Amino acid sequence: MFSSNPGLIEEAFSAWKRHAALRTTRRGLMRHTYGDQWSDLTQTSSGQTVSEYEKARMAGMRPLTNNLLRALVKSVVGRFRYNISQSGEPPSAQLLDVYRSNLLDELDSRALEEFLISGTAIQRVVYENRPPDGAGVWIDNVNPEHFFCTPFRDPRGSDIRLIGMLHDMTLDELRLRFGHNSRRRHRYLEKVYRHVSADGPYLSSVAWGGHDSADTKFYSSSQPGFCRVIEVWTYDIDPHHPVEDPHWHCRFLTPDGSVIDHSRSPLKSGAHPFALKFYPLTDGAVHPFIEDLVGQQKHI
């Protein structure tokens, strides 16, 4: 009923691990931007590891925050919103419904804010049925915490060969989307997500321990009662039909590697559904816009 692809889930997890440093940097920059500027760890003269806040307090100082980073980000995003409002160029009639239903002004503003802080902007464009709005083209901002791909150096991402994201769904949502009105499929999904292994619960519960390991984050949701589904796109060449153009192939996987749905790209170009920009991607490295300003912020 369901095929198994443990090799693919391992490839996806390897791609996920490669982004660990990027996620760590992003979390630190998020803290600094939104006001938590004193929690970085440092050492005292005696070798004790403490937060910068505690070190300042131990030295008899009263740490204060003058958040220039947040003001700068708000200023850039505000200018972006102003430019949109003054553009006077509404989208074409055929794109107007997509523009309105997705609230693209808001989505793009939030994507820009993420880009300034983390150096990454990722959106996913799909055609699907979303109650209660119905079928249509939907655009979502993708949290970099849920995104993974193979290493790439081309700013356009044309050298990516595996790309995907993590989804969290309730068991009811899982049945609705992947059950296909089959009791057997429903029972199988329930069995997989009730199973507990060394990797942690695939269906998290209230007893979730909050572990912060890469394995746990990839294989299970940190939200109680949610199931982890891994969406993986691969750039495939069919060895049995080498004359056919290579294509992007999508698979939705359970944490044990079972393929619960799959499809080829529906786009005319045959591309995957992700639009992404990493900054500046010099030699494959990401250096966020505000990264160089953190030292100045600390000094202030």
C-alpha atoms as a PDB file:
ATOM      1  CA  MET A   1       0.000   0.000   0.000  1.00  0.00           C
ATOM      2  CA  PHE A   2       2.786   2.419   0.942  1.00  0.00           C
ATOM      3  CA  SER A   3       6.274   2.093  -0.483  1.00  0.00           C
ATOM      4  CA  SER A   4       9.305   2.638   1.720  1.00  0.00           C
ATOM      5  CA  ASN A   5      12.267   4.853   0.915  1.00  0.00           C
ATOM      6  CA  PRO A   6      14.624   4.920   3.917  1.00  0.00           C
ATOM      7  CA  GLY A   7      17.485   6.139   1.723  1.00  0.00           C
ATOM      8  CA  LEU A   8      15.563   9.266   0.770  1.00  0.00           C
ATOM      9  CA  ILE A   9      14.676  10.148   4.353  1.00  0.00           C
ATOM     10  CA  GLU A  10      18.358   9.823   5.244  1.00  0.00           C
ATOM     11  CA  GLU A  11      19.328  12.131   2.362  1.00  0.00           C
ATOM     12  CA  ALA A  12      16.769  14.664   3.530  1.00  0.00           C
ATOM     13  CA  PHE A  13      18.051  14.456   7.097  1.00  0.00           C
ATOM     14  CA  SER A  14      21.631  14.968   5.880  1.00  0.00           C
ATOM     15  CA  ALA A  15      20.501  18.086   3.997  1.00  0.00           C
ATOM     16  CA  TRP A  16      18.728  19.246   7.157  1.00  0.00           C
ATOM     17  CA  LYS A  17      21.866  18.815   9.278  1.00  0.00           C
ATOM     18  CA  ARG A  18      23.922  20.882   6.820  1.00  0.00           C
ATOM     19  CA  HIS A  19      21.751  23.892   7.676  1.00  0.00           C
ATOM     20  CA  ALA A  20      22.322  23.564  11.432  1.00  0.00           C
ATOM     21  CA  ALA A  21      24.802  26.469  11.592  1.00  0.00           C
ATOM     22  CA  LEU A  22      22.467  28.685   9.569  1.00  0.00           C
ATOM     23  CA  ARG A  23      19.576  27.940  11.926  1.00  0.00           C
ATOM     24  CA  THR A  24      21.727  28.633  14.985  1.00  0.00           C
ATOM     25  CA  THR A  25      22.903  31.967  13.562  1.00  0.00           C
ATOM     26  CA  ARG A  26      19.330  32.888  12.669  1.00  0.00           C
ATOM     27  CA  ARG A  27      18.081  32.227  16.202  1.00  0.00           C
ATOM     28  CA  GLY A  28      20.818  34.441  17.647  1.00  0.00           C
ATOM     29  CA  LEU A  29      20.078  37.271  15.227  1.00  0.00           C
ATOM     30  CA  MET A  30      16.346  36.953  15.930  1.00  0.00           C
ATOM     31  CA  ARG A  31      17.031  37.342  19.644  1.00  0.00           C
ATOM     32  CA  HIS A  32      19.132  40.446  19.081  1.00  0.00           C
ATOM     33  CA  THR A  33      16.605  42.013  16.698  1.00  0.00           C
ATOM     34  CA  TYR A  34      13.587  41.495  18.923  1.00  0.00           C
ATOM     35  CA  GLY A  35      15.148  42.750  22.138  1.00  0.00           C
ATOM     36  CA  ASP A  36      16.961  39.848  23.821  1.00  0.00           C
ATOM     37  CA  GLN A  37      20.465  41.254  23.415  1.00  0.00           C
ATOM     38  CA  TRP A  38      22.068  40.101  26.652  1.00  0.00           C
ATOM     39  CA  SER A  39      21.683  36.301  26.629  1.00  0.00           C
ATOM     40  CA  ASP A  40      24.845  35.412  24.664  1.00  0.00           C
ATOM     41  CA  LEU A  41      27.230  33.392  26.805  1.00  0.00           C
ATOM     42  CA  THR A  42      30.613  34.701  27.829  1.00  0.00           C
ATOM     43  CA  GLN A  43      33.268  33.965  30.464  1.00  0.00           C
ATOM     44  CA  THR A  44      34.217  35.882  33.551  1.00  0.00           C
ATOM     45  CA  SER A  45      37.826  36.472  34.564  1.00  0.00           C
ATOM     46  CA  SER A  46      37.550  33.390  36.783  1.00  0.00           C
ATOM     47  CA  GLY A  47      36.526  31.219  33.844  1.00  0.00           C
ATOM     48  CA  GLN A  48      32.855  30.940  34.813  1.00  0.00           C
ATOM     49  CA  THR A  49      30.406  30.774  31.866  1.00  0.00           C
ATOM     50  CA  VAL A  50      27.543  33.232  32.279  1.00  0.00           C
ATOM     51  CA  SER A  51      25.264  35.355  30.118  1.00  0.00           C
ATOM     52  CA  GLU A  52      26.478  38.801  29.106  1.00  0.00           C
ATOM     53  CA  TYR A  53      23.671  40.191  31.255  1.00  0.00           C
ATOM     54  CA  GLU A  54      24.928  38.398  34.357  1.00  0.00           C
ATOM     55  CA  LYS A  55      28.530  39.384  33.647  1.00  0.00           C
ATOM     56  CA  ALA A  56      27.523  43.034  33.463  1.00  0.00           C
ATOM     57  CA  ARG A  57      25.516  42.742  36.694  1.00  0.00           C
ATOM     58  CA  MET A  58      28.461  41.061  38.435  1.00  0.00           C
ATOM     59  CA  ALA A  59      30.625  44.007  37.391  1.00  0.00           C
ATOM     60  CA  GLY A  60      28.167  46.383  39.065  1.00  0.00           C
ATOM     61  CA  MET A  61      26.561  47.666  35.858  1.00  0.00           C
ATOM     62  CA  ARG A  62      22.890  47.870  34.977  1.00  0.00           C
ATOM     63  CA  PRO A  63      22.412  46.502  31.446  1.00  0.00           C
ATOM     64  CA  LEU A  64      20.079  48.558  29.253  1.00  0.00           C
ATOM     65  CA  THR A  65      18.945  48.047  25.678  1.00  0.00           C
ATOM     66  CA  ASN A  66      18.769  50.643  22.932  1.00  0.00           C
ATOM     67  CA  ASN A  67      17.534  48.486  20.055  1.00  0.00           C
ATOM     68  CA  LEU A  68      18.934  49.952  16.843  1.00  0.00           C
ATOM     69  CA  LEU A  69      18.615  46.657  14.950  1.00  0.00           C
ATOM     70  CA  ARG A  70      14.832  46.522  15.264  1.00  0.00           C
ATOM     71  CA  ALA A  71      14.527  50.178  14.267  1.00  0.00           C
ATOM     72  CA  LEU A  72      16.648  49.589  11.171  1.00  0.00           C
ATOM     73  CA  VAL A  73      14.662  46.522  10.080  1.00  0.00           C
ATOM     74  CA  LYS A  74      11.344  48.335  10.620  1.00  0.00           C
ATOM     75  CA  SER A  75      12.627  51.276   8.579  1.00  0.00           C
ATOM     76  CA  VAL A  76      13.587  49.119   5.578  1.00  0.00           C
ATOM     77  CA  VAL A  77      10.327  47.137   5.675  1.00  0.00           C
ATOM     78  CA  GLY A  78       8.365  50.368   6.063  1.00  0.00           C
ATOM     79  CA  ARG A  79      10.036  51.819   2.966  1.00  0.00           C
ATOM     80  CA  PHE A  80       9.201  48.607   1.093  1.00  0.00           C
ATOM     81  CA  ARG A  81       5.529  48.908   2.077  1.00  0.00           C
ATOM     82  CA  TYR A  82       5.502  52.569   1.035  1.00  0.00           C
ATOM     83  CA  ASN A  83       6.978  51.750  -2.366  1.00  0.00           C
ATOM     84  CA  ILE A  84       4.268  49.125  -2.891  1.00  0.00           C
ATOM     85  CA  SER A  85       1.514  51.586  -2.006  1.00  0.00           C
ATOM     86  CA  GLN A  86       2.942  54.188  -4.396  1.00  0.00           C
ATOM     87  CA  SER A  87       3.659  51.853  -7.300  1.00  0.00           C
ATOM     88  CA  GLY A  88       0.255  52.403  -8.906  1.00  0.00           C
ATOM     89  CA  GLU A  89       0.663  49.206 -10.924  1.00  0.00           C
ATOM     90  CA  PRO A  90      -1.999  46.659  -9.944  1.00  0.00           C
ATOM     91  CA  PRO A  91      -1.387  43.080 -11.006  1.00  0.00           C
ATOM     92  CA  SER A  92      -2.881  41.838 -14.244  1.00  0.00           C
ATOM     93  CA  ALA A  93      -6.451  40.582 -14.142  1.00  0.00           C
ATOM     94  CA  GLN A  94      -5.388  36.932 -14.276  1.00  0.00           C
ATOM     95  CA  LEU A  95      -3.135  37.394 -11.232  1.00  0.00           C
ATOM     96  CA  LEU A  96      -5.460  39.632  -9.232  1.00  0.00           C
ATOM     97  CA  ASP A  97      -7.238  36.759  -7.445  1.00  0.00           C
ATOM     98  CA  VAL A  98      -3.898  35.182  -6.497  1.00  0.00           C
ATOM     99  CA  TYR A  99      -2.648  38.554  -5.294  1.00  0.00           C
ATOM    100  CA  ARG A 100      -5.702  39.179  -3.113  1.00  0.00           C
ATOM    101  CA  SER A 101      -6.296  35.688  -1.751  1.00  0.00           C
ATOM    102  CA  ASN A 102      -2.669  35.365  -0.652  1.00  0.00           C
ATOM    103  CA  LEU A 103      -2.330  38.914   0.759  1.00  0.00           C
ATOM    104  CA  LEU A 104       0.935  39.190  -1.132  1.00  0.00           C
ATOM    105  CA  ASP A 105       1.830  42.642   0.185  1.00  0.00           C
ATOM    106  CA  GLU A 106       1.864  41.265   3.715  1.00  0.00           C
ATOM    107  CA  LEU A 107       3.599  38.017   2.749  1.00  0.00           C
ATOM    108  CA  ASP A 108       6.359  39.814   0.876  1.00  0.00           C
ATOM    109  CA  SER A 109       6.853  42.331   3.703  1.00  0.00           C
ATOM    110  CA  ARG A 110       7.271  39.503   6.197  1.00  0.00           C
ATOM    111  CA  ALA A 111       9.597  37.677   3.798  1.00  0.00           C
ATOM    112  CA  LEU A 112      11.739  40.812   3.511  1.00  0.00           C
ATOM    113  CA  GLU A 113      11.930  41.115   7.304  1.00  0.00           C
ATOM    114  CA  GLU A 114      13.108  37.510   7.495  1.00  0.00           C
ATOM    115  CA  PHE A 115      15.615  38.183   4.701  1.00  0.00           C
ATOM    116  CA  LEU A 116      17.128  41.164   6.517  1.00  0.00           C
ATOM    117  CA  ILE A 117      17.525  39.200   9.756  1.00  0.00           C
ATOM    118  CA  SER A 118      18.520  35.722   8.588  1.00  0.00           C
ATOM    119  CA  GLY A 119      19.689  36.305   5.014  1.00  0.00           C
ATOM    120  CA  THR A 120      17.075  33.841   3.722  1.00  0.00           C
ATOM    121  CA  ALA A 121      13.760  34.354   1.951  1.00  0.00           C
ATOM    122  CA  ILE A 122      11.809  31.212   1.022  1.00  0.00           C
ATOM    123  CA  GLN A 123       8.336  30.907  -0.465  1.00  0.00           C
ATOM    124  CA  ARG A 124       6.390  27.864  -1.634  1.00  0.00           C
ATOM    125  CA  VAL A 125       3.947  28.175  -4.545  1.00  0.00           C
ATOM    126  CA  VAL A 126       1.387  25.387  -5.016  1.00  0.00           C
ATOM    127  CA  TYR A 127      -2.009  24.733  -6.565  1.00  0.00           C
ATOM    128  CA  GLU A 128      -4.257  22.925  -4.111  1.00  0.00           C
ATOM    129  CA  ASN A 129      -7.634  22.870  -2.409  1.00  0.00           C
ATOM    130  CA  ARG A 130      -7.684  24.746   0.892  1.00  0.00           C
ATOM    131  CA  PRO A 131     -10.960  24.819   2.792  1.00  0.00           C
ATOM    132  CA  PRO A 132     -12.871  27.061   3.097  1.00  0.00           C
ATOM    133  CA  ASP A 133     -11.390  29.086   0.218  1.00  0.00           C
ATOM    134  CA  GLY A 134     -11.310  26.256  -2.304  1.00  0.00           C
ATOM    135  CA  ALA A 135      -8.854  25.353  -5.035  1.00  0.00           C
ATOM    136  CA  GLY A 136      -6.341  27.861  -6.295  1.00  0.00           C
ATOM    137  CA  VAL A 137      -2.754  29.026  -6.331  1.00  0.00           C
ATOM    138  CA  TRP A 138      -1.404  29.442  -2.813  1.00  0.00           C
ATOM    139  CA  ILE A 139       1.828  31.110  -1.740  1.00  0.00           C
ATOM    140  CA  ASP A 140       3.344  30.479   1.679  1.00  0.00           C
ATOM    141  CA  ASN A 141       6.341  31.924   3.446  1.00  0.00           C
ATOM    142  CA  VAL A 142       8.500  29.017   4.621  1.00  0.00           C
ATOM    143  CA  ASN A 143      10.145  29.237   8.027  1.00  0.00           C
ATOM    144  CA  PRO A 144      13.886  28.524   7.570  1.00  0.00           C
ATOM    145  CA  GLU A 145      13.628  26.292  10.653  1.00  0.00           C
ATOM    146  CA  HIS A 146      11.487  23.933   8.545  1.00  0.00           C
ATOM    147  CA  PHE A 147      13.462  24.127   5.300  1.00  0.00           C
ATOM    148  CA  PHE A 148      16.309  22.036   3.895  1.00  0.00           C
ATOM    149  CA  CYS A 149      18.159  21.551   0.612  1.00  0.00           C
ATOM    150  CA  THR A 150      21.441  20.227  -0.711  1.00  0.00           C
ATOM    151  CA  PRO A 151      24.374  22.698  -0.816  1.00  0.00           C
ATOM    152  CA  PHE A 152      24.286  25.176  -3.688  1.00  0.00           C
ATOM    153  CA  ARG A 153      26.416  28.036  -4.962  1.00  0.00           C
ATOM    154  CA  ASP A 154      24.284  29.468  -7.744  1.00  0.00           C
ATOM    155  CA  PRO A 155      22.299  32.438  -6.332  1.00  0.00           C
ATOM    156  CA  ARG A 156      19.340  31.216  -8.384  1.00  0.00           C
ATOM    157  CA  GLY A 157      19.511  27.778  -6.794  1.00  0.00           C
ATOM    158  CA  SER A 158      19.815  26.028 -10.148  1.00  0.00           C
ATOM    159  CA  ASP A 159      22.349  23.558  -8.737  1.00  0.00           C
ATOM    160  CA  ILE A 160      20.041  22.272  -5.983  1.00  0.00           C
ATOM    161  CA  ARG A 161      19.266  18.566  -6.402  1.00  0.00           C
ATOM    162  CA  LEU A 162      17.167  17.888  -3.286  1.00  0.00           C
ATOM    163  CA  ILE A 163      14.888  20.368  -1.553  1.00  0.00           C
ATOM    164  CA  GLY A 164      11.996  20.206   0.877  1.00  0.00           C
ATOM    165  CA  MET A 165      10.383  21.225   4.111  1.00  0.00           C
ATOM    166  CA  LEU A 166       8.866  19.856   7.311  1.00  0.00           C
ATOM    167  CA  HIS A 167       5.123  19.908   7.922  1.00  0.00           C
ATOM    168  CA  ASP A 168       3.197  19.538  11.168  1.00  0.00           C
ATOM    169  CA  MET A 169      -0.363  18.191  10.899  1.00  0.00           C
ATOM    170  CA  THR A 170      -2.960  16.824  13.257  1.00  0.00           C
ATOM    171  CA  LEU A 171      -3.908  13.192  12.768  1.00  0.00           C
ATOM    172  CA  ASP A 172      -7.278  14.295  11.336  1.00  0.00           C
ATOM    173  CA  GLU A 173      -5.524  16.522   8.791  1.00  0.00           C
ATOM    174  CA  LEU A 174      -3.205  13.659   7.931  1.00  0.00           C
ATOM    175  CA  ARG A 175      -6.131  11.305   7.272  1.00  0.00           C
ATOM    176  CA  LEU A 176      -7.933  13.922   5.186  1.00  0.00           C
ATOM    177  CA  ARG A 177      -4.924  14.718   3.003  1.00  0.00           C
ATOM    178  CA  PHE A 178      -3.263  11.321   2.632  1.00  0.00           C
ATOM    179  CA  GLY A 179      -5.970   8.810   3.588  1.00  0.00           C
ATOM    180  CA  HIS A 180      -7.742   8.915   0.191  1.00  0.00           C
ATOM    181  CA  ASN A 181     -10.947   7.625   1.852  1.00  0.00           C
ATOM    182  CA  SER A 182      -9.252   4.275   2.493  1.00  0.00           C
ATOM    183  CA  ARG A 183      -9.678   2.641   5.905  1.00  0.00           C
ATOM    184  CA  ARG A 184      -6.504   0.665   5.362  1.00  0.00           C
ATOM    185  CA  ARG A 185      -4.531   3.851   4.732  1.00  0.00           C
ATOM    186  CA  HIS A 186      -6.103   5.473   7.794  1.00  0.00           C
ATOM    187  CA  ARG A 187      -5.133   2.527   9.995  1.00  0.00           C
ATOM    188  CA  TYR A 188      -1.585   2.550   8.640  1.00  0.00           C
ATOM    189  CA  LEU A 189      -1.137   6.267   9.272  1.00  0.00           C
ATOM    190  CA  GLU A 190      -2.463   5.880  12.798  1.00  0.00           C
ATOM    191  CA  LYS A 191      -0.052   3.002  13.413  1.00  0.00           C
ATOM    192  CA  VAL A 192       2.973   4.956  12.171  1.00  0.00           C
ATOM    193  CA  TYR A 193       2.215   8.047  14.206  1.00  0.00           C
ATOM    194  CA  ARG A 194       1.390   6.156  17.394  1.00  0.00           C
ATOM    195  CA  HIS A 195       4.711   4.368  17.208  1.00  0.00           C
ATOM    196  CA  VAL A 196       7.525   5.379  19.533  1.00  0.00           C
ATOM    197  CA  SER A 197      11.131   4.590  18.621  1.00  0.00           C
ATOM    198  CA  ALA A 198      14.610   5.666  19.629  1.00  0.00           C
ATOM    199  CA  ASP A 199      14.168   8.769  17.488  1.00  0.00           C
ATOM    200  CA  GLY A 200      11.328   9.988  19.683  1.00  0.00           C
ATOM    201  CA  PRO A 201       7.523   9.990  19.287  1.00  0.00           C
ATOM    202  CA  TYR A 202       6.353  10.525  15.716  1.00  0.00           C
ATOM    203  CA  LEU A 203       3.067  11.751  17.148  1.00  0.00           C
ATOM    204  CA  SER A 204       4.109  14.069  19.945  1.00  0.00           C
ATOM    205  CA  SER A 205       2.147  14.108  23.197  1.00  0.00           C
ATOM    206  CA  VAL A 206       1.733  16.319  26.222  1.00  0.00           C
ATOM    207  CA  ALA A 207       4.568  14.333  27.790  1.00  0.00           C
ATOM    208  CA  TRP A 208       6.926  15.721  25.153  1.00  0.00           C
ATOM    209  CA  GLY A 209      10.252  16.447  26.823  1.00  0.00           C
ATOM    210  CA  GLY A 210      11.314  19.441  24.726  1.00  0.00           C
ATOM    211  CA  HIS A 211      14.624  17.919  23.599  1.00  0.00           C
ATOM    212  CA  ASP A 212      16.541  20.189  21.253  1.00  0.00           C
ATOM    213  CA  SER A 213      18.503  17.646  19.233  1.00  0.00           C
ATOM    214  CA  ALA A 214      18.618  17.822  15.446  1.00  0.00           C
ATOM    215  CA  ASP A 215      17.169  14.309  15.176  1.00  0.00           C
ATOM    216  CA  THR A 216      14.125  15.119  17.280  1.00  0.00           C
ATOM    217  CA  LYS A 217      13.378  18.321  15.456  1.00  0.00           C
ATOM    218  CA  PHE A 218      13.583  16.640  12.084  1.00  0.00           C
ATOM    219  CA  TYR A 219      11.677  13.466  12.866  1.00  0.00           C
ATOM    220  CA  SER A 220       8.947  14.747  15.170  1.00  0.00           C
ATOM    221  CA  SER A 221       6.985  17.870  15.927  1.00  0.00           C
ATOM    222  CA  SER A 222       7.614  19.900  19.065  1.00  0.00           C
ATOM    223  CA  GLN A 223       3.912  20.808  19.105  1.00  0.00           C
ATOM    224  CA  PRO A 224       1.843  18.406  21.246  1.00  0.00           C
ATOM    225  CA  GLY A 225      -0.599  16.372  19.181  1.00  0.00           C
ATOM    226  CA  PHE A 226       0.973  17.112  15.794  1.00  0.00           C
ATOM    227  CA  CYS A 227       2.448  14.640  13.300  1.00  0.00           C
ATOM    228  CA  ARG A 228       5.632  15.323  11.373  1.00  0.00           C
ATOM    229  CA  VAL A 229       5.464  14.881   7.566  1.00  0.00           C
ATOM    230  CA  ILE A 230       8.533  15.483   5.409  1.00  0.00           C
ATOM    231  CA  GLU A 231       8.036  16.896   1.914  1.00  0.00           C
ATOM    232  CA  VAL A 232      11.018  16.057  -0.313  1.00  0.00           C
ATOM    233  CA  TRP A 233      11.614  17.066  -3.935  1.00  0.00           C
ATOM    234  CA  THR A 234      14.391  15.417  -5.940  1.00  0.00           C
ATOM    235  CA  TYR A 235      15.792  16.165  -9.384  1.00  0.00           C
ATOM    236  CA  ASP A 236      15.444  12.803 -11.099  1.00  0.00           C
ATOM    237  CA  ILE A 237      16.739  11.314 -14.321  1.00  0.00           C
ATOM    238  CA  ASP A 238      14.910   8.140 -15.330  1.00  0.00           C
ATOM    239  CA  PRO A 239      17.550   5.546 -16.334  1.00  0.00           C
ATOM    240  CA  HIS A 240      14.886   3.584 -18.217  1.00  0.00           C
ATOM    241  CA  HIS A 241      13.901   6.600 -20.320  1.00  0.00           C
ATOM    242  CA  PRO A 242      17.100   8.648 -20.696  1.00  0.00           C
ATOM    243  CA  VAL A 243      15.693  10.620 -23.622  1.00  0.00           C
ATOM    244  CA  GLU A 244      13.093  12.205 -21.352  1.00  0.00           C
ATOM    245  CA  ASP A 245      13.932  15.499 -19.716  1.00  0.00           C
ATOM    246  CA  PRO A 246      14.971  15.348 -16.068  1.00  0.00           C
ATOM    247  CA  HIS A 247      12.122  16.307 -13.777  1.00  0.00           C
ATOM    248  CA  TRP A 248      11.416  17.231 -10.177  1.00  0.00           C
ATOM    249  CA  HIS A 249       9.658  14.488  -8.248  1.00  0.00           C
ATOM    250  CA  CYS A 250       7.806  15.115  -4.959  1.00  0.00           C
ATOM    251  CA  ARG A 251       7.355  12.591  -2.157  1.00  0.00           C
ATOM    252  CA  PHE A 252       5.671  13.048   1.203  1.00  0.00           C
ATOM    253  CA  LEU A 253       7.341  10.843   3.798  1.00  0.00           C
ATOM    254  CA  THR A 254       6.540   9.665   7.280  1.00  0.00           C
ATOM    255  CA  PRO A 255       9.447   9.682   9.744  1.00  0.00           C
ATOM    256  CA  ASP A 256      10.029   5.962   9.139  1.00  0.00           C
ATOM    257  CA  GLY A 257      10.569   6.572   5.416  1.00  0.00           C
ATOM    258  CA  SER A 258       7.142   5.451   4.139  1.00  0.00           C
ATOM    259  CA  VAL A 259       6.015   7.316   1.014  1.00  0.00           C
ATOM    260  CA  ILE A 260       2.395   8.343   1.643  1.00  0.00           C
ATOM    261  CA  ASP A 261       2.037  10.431  -1.516  1.00  0.00           C
ATOM    262  CA  HIS A 262       4.092  11.313  -4.583  1.00  0.00           C
ATOM    263  CA  SER A 263       3.819  13.273  -7.825  1.00  0.00           C
ATOM    264  CA  ARG A 264       5.836  14.875 -10.571  1.00  0.00           C
ATOM    265  CA  SER A 265       6.056  18.634 -10.841  1.00  0.00           C
ATOM    266  CA  PRO A 266       2.805  20.079 -12.234  1.00  0.00           C
ATOM    267  CA  LEU A 267       4.582  23.185 -13.504  1.00  0.00           C
ATOM    268  CA  LYS A 268       5.262  23.618 -17.207  1.00  0.00           C
ATOM    269  CA  SER A 269       8.903  24.197 -16.409  1.00  0.00           C
ATOM    270  CA  GLY A 270       9.020  20.964 -14.393  1.00  0.00           C
ATOM    271  CA  ALA A 271      10.472  22.890 -11.436  1.00  0.00           C
ATOM    272  CA  HIS A 272      10.013  22.391  -7.699  1.00  0.00           C
ATOM    273  CA  PRO A 273       7.590  24.788  -5.936  1.00  0.00           C
ATOM    274  CA  PHE A 274      10.136  26.736  -3.854  1.00  0.00           C
ATOM    275  CA  ALA A 275      11.295  30.264  -4.653  1.00  0.00           C
ATOM    276  CA  LEU A 276      14.304  31.180  -2.536  1.00  0.00           C
ATOM    277  CA  LYS A 277      16.987  33.784  -2.105  1.00  0.00           C
ATOM    278  CA  PHE A 278      19.979  33.460   0.222  1.00  0.00           C
ATOM    279  CA  TYR A 279      22.191  36.495   0.815  1.00  0.00           C
ATOM    280  CA  PRO A 280      24.806  37.024  -0.469  1.00  0.00           C
ATOM    281  CA  LEU A 281      25.672  33.349  -1.122  1.00  0.00           C
ATOM    282  CA  THR A 282      29.352  34.017  -1.704  1.00  0.00           C
ATOM    283  CA  ASP A 283      30.956  30.583  -2.135  1.00  0.00           C
ATOM    284  CA  GLY A 284      27.723  29.098  -0.822  1.00  0.00           C
ATOM    285  CA  ALA A 285      27.869  31.056   2.467  1.00  0.00           C
ATOM    286  CA  VAL A 286      25.049  33.175   3.899  1.00  0.00           C
ATOM    287  CA  HIS A 287      25.837  36.469   5.652  1.00  0.00           C
ATOM    288  CA  PRO A 288      22.654  38.265   6.807  1.00  0.00           C
ATOM    289  CA  PHE A 289      22.248  42.009   6.366  1.00  0.00           C
ATOM    290  CA  ILE A 290      22.264  42.788  10.089  1.00  0.00           C
ATOM    291  CA  GLU A 291      25.090  40.407  11.005  1.00  0.00           C
ATOM    292  CA  ASP A 292      27.784  43.094  10.783  1.00  0.00           C
ATOM    293  CA  LEU A 293      25.732  45.436  12.972  1.00  0.00           C
ATOM    294  CA  VAL A 294      25.473  43.158  15.995  1.00  0.00           C
ATOM    295  CA  GLY A 295      28.916  44.222  17.247  1.00  0.00           C
ATOM    296  CA  GLN A 296      27.910  47.883  17.052  1.00  0.00           C
ATOM    297  CA  GLN A 297      24.636  47.093  18.829  1.00  0.00           C
ATOM    298  CA  LYS A 298      26.548  45.365  21.634  1.00  0.00           C
ATOM    299  CA  HIS A 299      28.836  48.383  21.982  1.00  0.00           C
ATOM    300  CA  ILE A 300      25.854  50.748  22.243  1.00  0.00           C
END
